[in-house]
Amino acid sequence: MFMRTRILSPILRTPLRAMRPAGSVVSLARYQSSTTTSTTSSISSAKPGNPEKRPMTIDRELPDPFKDRTRNRIQFVGFWVLMFVSAAVMFNYEKTSSPVVTTTLHFLRRSEIIREVLGSGIDFADLYPWVSGELNQVKGAVDITFDVKGSKNRGTIKLVANRNSRKEDFLIHEWSLEVDGKKYDLLADKSVDFAV
């Protein structure tokens, strides 16, 4: 058998790159460059933070903090008054809920003198009671007064006591009830053995 062979012409044996025109590569590169530039510019112009599209402007003047001094002084004084009242209410709440005051109320309800003068249902005289004076258990100093009421009358309780150290009990100097200018010595009441 004989195999047939064909001789390729010089044109067919030439690579395809050689057949491409010389100017086509440059034109394609220019087209790609121009397309990329236009796309980048359109994206940058579409960004919300572009300063060219959203300039910063001030519509009105800023207020002068030192213009109305009288108003500023009133607000300053009012702020400190509010802070003082809030602190006083907080400290008074600590006094009313302290063990010394709660123990005093407990013994007042058991006292025969209190029941005879004020009646039953002994409690603070007001809805928001106020305990005046010094109540420092850490220091060991108690000198307080507060109002109480019963079913018959209302009066003022005074308690004065101190102690030298936290390991000792309070030494009571005065525990009294005052009603309409008359004072009753509650330490002389034999029905209770008062101690704080």
Protein backbone atom coordinates (compact mmCIF):
# COMPACT_ATOMS: atom_id res chain seq x y z
CA MET A 1 0.00 0.00 0.00
CA PHE A 2 1.08 3.44 -0.76
CA MET A 3 0.28 6.38 1.61
CA ARG A 4 -0.63 9.65 0.12
CA THR A 5 1.17 12.68 1.41
CA ARG A 6 0.35 16.29 0.88
CA ILE A 7 2.75 19.13 0.97
CA LEU A 8 1.42 22.06 3.01
CA SER A 9 1.69 25.37 1.40
CA PRO A 10 3.81 28.05 3.10
CA ILE A 11 0.67 29.99 4.01
CA LEU A 12 -0.89 27.15 6.02
CA ARG A 13 2.35 26.46 7.86
CA THR A 14 2.54 30.04 9.08
CA PRO A 15 1.36 30.46 12.75
CA LEU A 16 -1.90 32.27 13.39
CA ARG A 17 -0.15 35.01 15.38
CA ALA A 18 1.87 35.88 12.36
CA MET A 19 -1.29 36.15 10.30
CA ARG A 20 -2.85 38.70 12.73
CA PRO A 21 -2.42 42.31 11.60
CA ALA A 22 0.13 44.32 13.54
CA GLY A 23 -2.23 47.14 14.50
CA SER A 24 -5.02 44.96 15.90
CA VAL A 25 -3.25 44.27 19.26
CA VAL A 26 -2.68 47.95 19.92
CA SER A 27 -6.25 48.85 19.09
CA LEU A 28 -7.58 46.13 21.42
CA ALA A 29 -5.38 47.37 24.25
CA ARG A 30 -6.57 50.92 23.70
CA TYR A 31 -10.18 49.75 23.77
CA GLN A 32 -9.71 47.89 27.03
CA SER A 33 -7.93 50.87 28.62
CA SER A 34 -10.64 53.30 27.60
CA THR A 35 -13.37 50.95 28.86
CA THR A 36 -11.67 50.52 32.26
CA THR A 37 -11.15 54.28 32.66
CA SER A 38 -14.78 55.08 31.90
CA THR A 39 -16.04 52.38 34.30
CA THR A 40 -13.76 53.60 37.12
CA SER A 41 -14.84 57.21 36.66
CA SER A 42 -18.52 56.24 36.72
CA ILE A 43 -18.06 54.20 39.93
CA SER A 44 -16.14 56.97 41.68
CA SER A 45 -18.78 59.52 40.76
CA ALA A 46 -21.51 57.22 42.09
CA LYS A 47 -19.94 56.89 45.56
CA PRO A 48 -22.06 58.61 48.26
CA GLY A 49 -18.99 60.03 49.97
CA ASN A 50 -17.71 61.88 46.94
CA PRO A 51 -16.99 65.48 48.09
CA GLU A 52 -17.72 66.83 44.64
CA LYS A 53 -21.29 65.57 44.78
CA ARG A 54 -22.09 66.34 48.46
CA PRO A 55 -20.41 69.53 49.66
CA MET A 56 -20.51 70.34 53.40
CA THR A 57 -22.35 73.56 54.21
CA ILE A 58 -23.47 75.25 57.46
CA ASP A 59 -27.07 76.42 57.24
CA ARG A 60 -27.03 78.55 60.39
CA GLU A 61 -24.63 79.98 62.93
CA LEU A 62 -23.72 78.01 66.04
CA PRO A 63 -25.26 79.35 69.29
CA ASP A 64 -23.08 81.39 71.60
CA PRO A 65 -22.95 79.67 75.04
CA PHE A 66 -22.04 82.95 76.77
CA LYS A 67 -24.79 85.04 75.19
CA ASP A 68 -27.48 84.57 77.89
CA ARG A 69 -25.49 84.51 81.14
CA THR A 70 -28.51 84.96 83.40
CA ARG A 71 -30.16 81.85 82.04
CA ASN A 72 -26.93 79.88 82.34
CA ARG A 73 -26.56 80.91 85.98
CA ILE A 74 -30.13 79.89 86.78
CA GLN A 75 -29.60 76.50 85.17
CA PHE A 76 -26.31 76.04 87.03
CA VAL A 77 -27.87 76.89 90.41
CA GLY A 78 -30.91 74.74 89.67
CA PHE A 79 -28.70 71.78 88.81
CA TRP A 80 -26.83 71.95 92.11
CA VAL A 81 -30.05 72.45 94.10
CA LEU A 82 -31.49 69.35 92.46
CA MET A 83 -28.33 67.39 93.24
CA PHE A 84 -28.45 68.53 96.89
CA VAL A 85 -32.11 67.59 97.31
CA SER A 86 -31.54 64.19 95.68
CA ALA A 87 -28.59 63.47 97.98
CA ALA A 88 -30.60 64.53 101.05
CA VAL A 89 -33.50 62.27 100.10
CA MET A 90 -31.13 59.36 99.51
CA PHE A 91 -29.39 59.80 102.88
CA ASN A 92 -32.73 60.15 104.66
CA TYR A 93 -33.94 56.91 103.11
CA GLU A 94 -30.84 55.18 104.46
CA LYS A 95 -31.67 56.53 107.93
CA THR A 96 -35.30 55.38 107.87
CA SER A 97 -34.27 51.87 106.80
CA SER A 98 -31.36 51.58 109.25
CA PRO A 99 -31.42 48.92 112.01
CA VAL A 100 -31.42 51.62 114.71
CA VAL A 101 -34.66 53.20 113.49
CA THR A 102 -36.42 49.90 112.79
CA THR A 103 -35.46 48.59 116.25
CA THR A 104 -36.72 51.80 117.85
CA LEU A 105 -40.09 51.44 116.11
CA HIS A 106 -40.30 47.82 117.26
CA PHE A 107 -39.86 48.77 120.92
CA LEU A 108 -42.21 51.75 120.57
CA ARG A 109 -45.03 49.40 119.54
CA ARG A 110 -44.43 47.34 122.71
CA SER A 111 -44.22 50.29 125.11
CA GLU A 112 -47.13 50.81 127.50
CA ILE A 113 -46.46 54.54 127.69
CA ILE A 114 -46.63 54.83 123.91
CA ARG A 115 -49.87 52.85 123.70
CA GLU A 116 -51.39 54.95 126.49
CA VAL A 117 -50.44 58.30 124.95
CA LEU A 118 -50.52 57.61 121.21
CA GLY A 119 -52.73 54.54 120.97
CA SER A 120 -52.22 51.51 118.77
CA GLY A 121 -50.84 51.21 115.25
CA ILE A 122 -47.59 53.05 115.93
CA ASP A 123 -45.79 54.06 112.75
CA PHE A 124 -44.12 57.01 111.06
CA ALA A 125 -46.30 60.11 111.16
CA ASP A 126 -45.91 60.94 107.46
CA LEU A 127 -45.95 58.96 104.25
CA TYR A 128 -42.41 60.12 103.55
CA PRO A 129 -40.81 60.24 107.02
CA TRP A 130 -37.88 62.51 107.75
CA VAL A 131 -35.22 61.50 110.29
CA SER A 132 -33.29 64.53 111.52
CA GLY A 133 -29.90 64.49 113.19
CA GLU A 134 -26.80 62.31 113.08
CA LEU A 135 -26.97 58.56 112.57
CA ASN A 136 -23.50 57.09 112.13
CA GLN A 137 -23.27 53.48 113.20
CA VAL A 138 -19.65 53.14 112.10
CA LYS A 139 -18.61 56.10 114.21
CA GLY A 140 -20.94 55.03 117.02
CA ALA A 141 -22.93 58.26 117.23
CA VAL A 142 -26.74 58.45 117.26
CA ASP A 143 -28.65 61.69 117.84
CA ILE A 144 -31.91 61.56 115.88
CA THR A 145 -35.50 62.78 116.07
CA PHE A 146 -38.51 61.70 114.00
CA ASP A 147 -42.29 61.93 114.22
CA VAL A 148 -44.57 59.00 114.97
CA LYS A 149 -48.32 58.61 115.21
CA GLY A 150 -50.90 56.25 116.63
CA SER A 151 -54.64 55.88 116.71
CA LYS A 152 -54.98 58.63 119.36
CA ASN A 153 -52.25 61.19 118.81
CA ARG A 154 -48.87 61.91 117.28
CA GLY A 155 -45.54 62.91 118.82
CA THR A 156 -41.80 63.24 118.35
CA ILE A 157 -39.28 60.56 119.32
CA LYS A 158 -35.76 61.55 120.36
CA LEU A 159 -32.93 59.04 120.65
CA VAL A 160 -29.38 59.83 121.81
CA ALA A 161 -26.82 57.02 122.12
CA ASN A 162 -23.16 56.28 121.49
CA ARG A 163 -20.55 53.52 121.70
CA ASN A 164 -16.76 53.46 121.83
CA SER A 165 -16.19 50.54 119.46
CA ARG A 166 -18.19 48.33 117.12
CA LYS A 167 -17.81 45.37 119.49
CA GLU A 168 -19.76 47.19 122.22
CA ASP A 169 -23.49 47.89 122.49
CA PHE A 170 -24.88 51.39 122.27
CA LEU A 171 -25.13 53.29 125.52
CA ILE A 172 -28.51 55.06 125.48
CA HIS A 173 -28.51 58.52 127.02
CA GLU A 174 -32.02 59.61 126.04
CA TRP A 175 -35.08 57.92 124.62
CA SER A 176 -38.11 60.12 124.96
CA LEU A 177 -41.49 61.01 123.49
CA GLU A 178 -42.74 64.59 123.26
CA VAL A 179 -46.44 65.27 122.70
CA ASP A 180 -47.86 68.81 122.79
CA GLY A 181 -44.85 70.11 124.72
CA LYS A 182 -44.96 67.31 127.31
CA LYS A 183 -42.01 64.90 127.41
CA TYR A 184 -42.22 61.25 128.46
CA ASP A 185 -39.09 59.34 129.50
CA LEU A 186 -39.32 56.00 127.73
CA LEU A 187 -36.24 54.64 129.50
CA ALA A 188 -38.35 54.52 132.66
CA ASP A 189 -40.87 52.24 130.97
CA LYS A 190 -40.65 48.83 132.68
CA SER A 191 -42.63 47.08 129.95
CA VAL A 192 -39.74 47.15 127.48
CA ASP A 193 -36.01 46.59 127.74
CA PHE A 194 -34.88 48.92 124.99
CA ALA A 195 -31.51 48.30 123.36
CA VAL A 196 -30.02 49.15 119.94
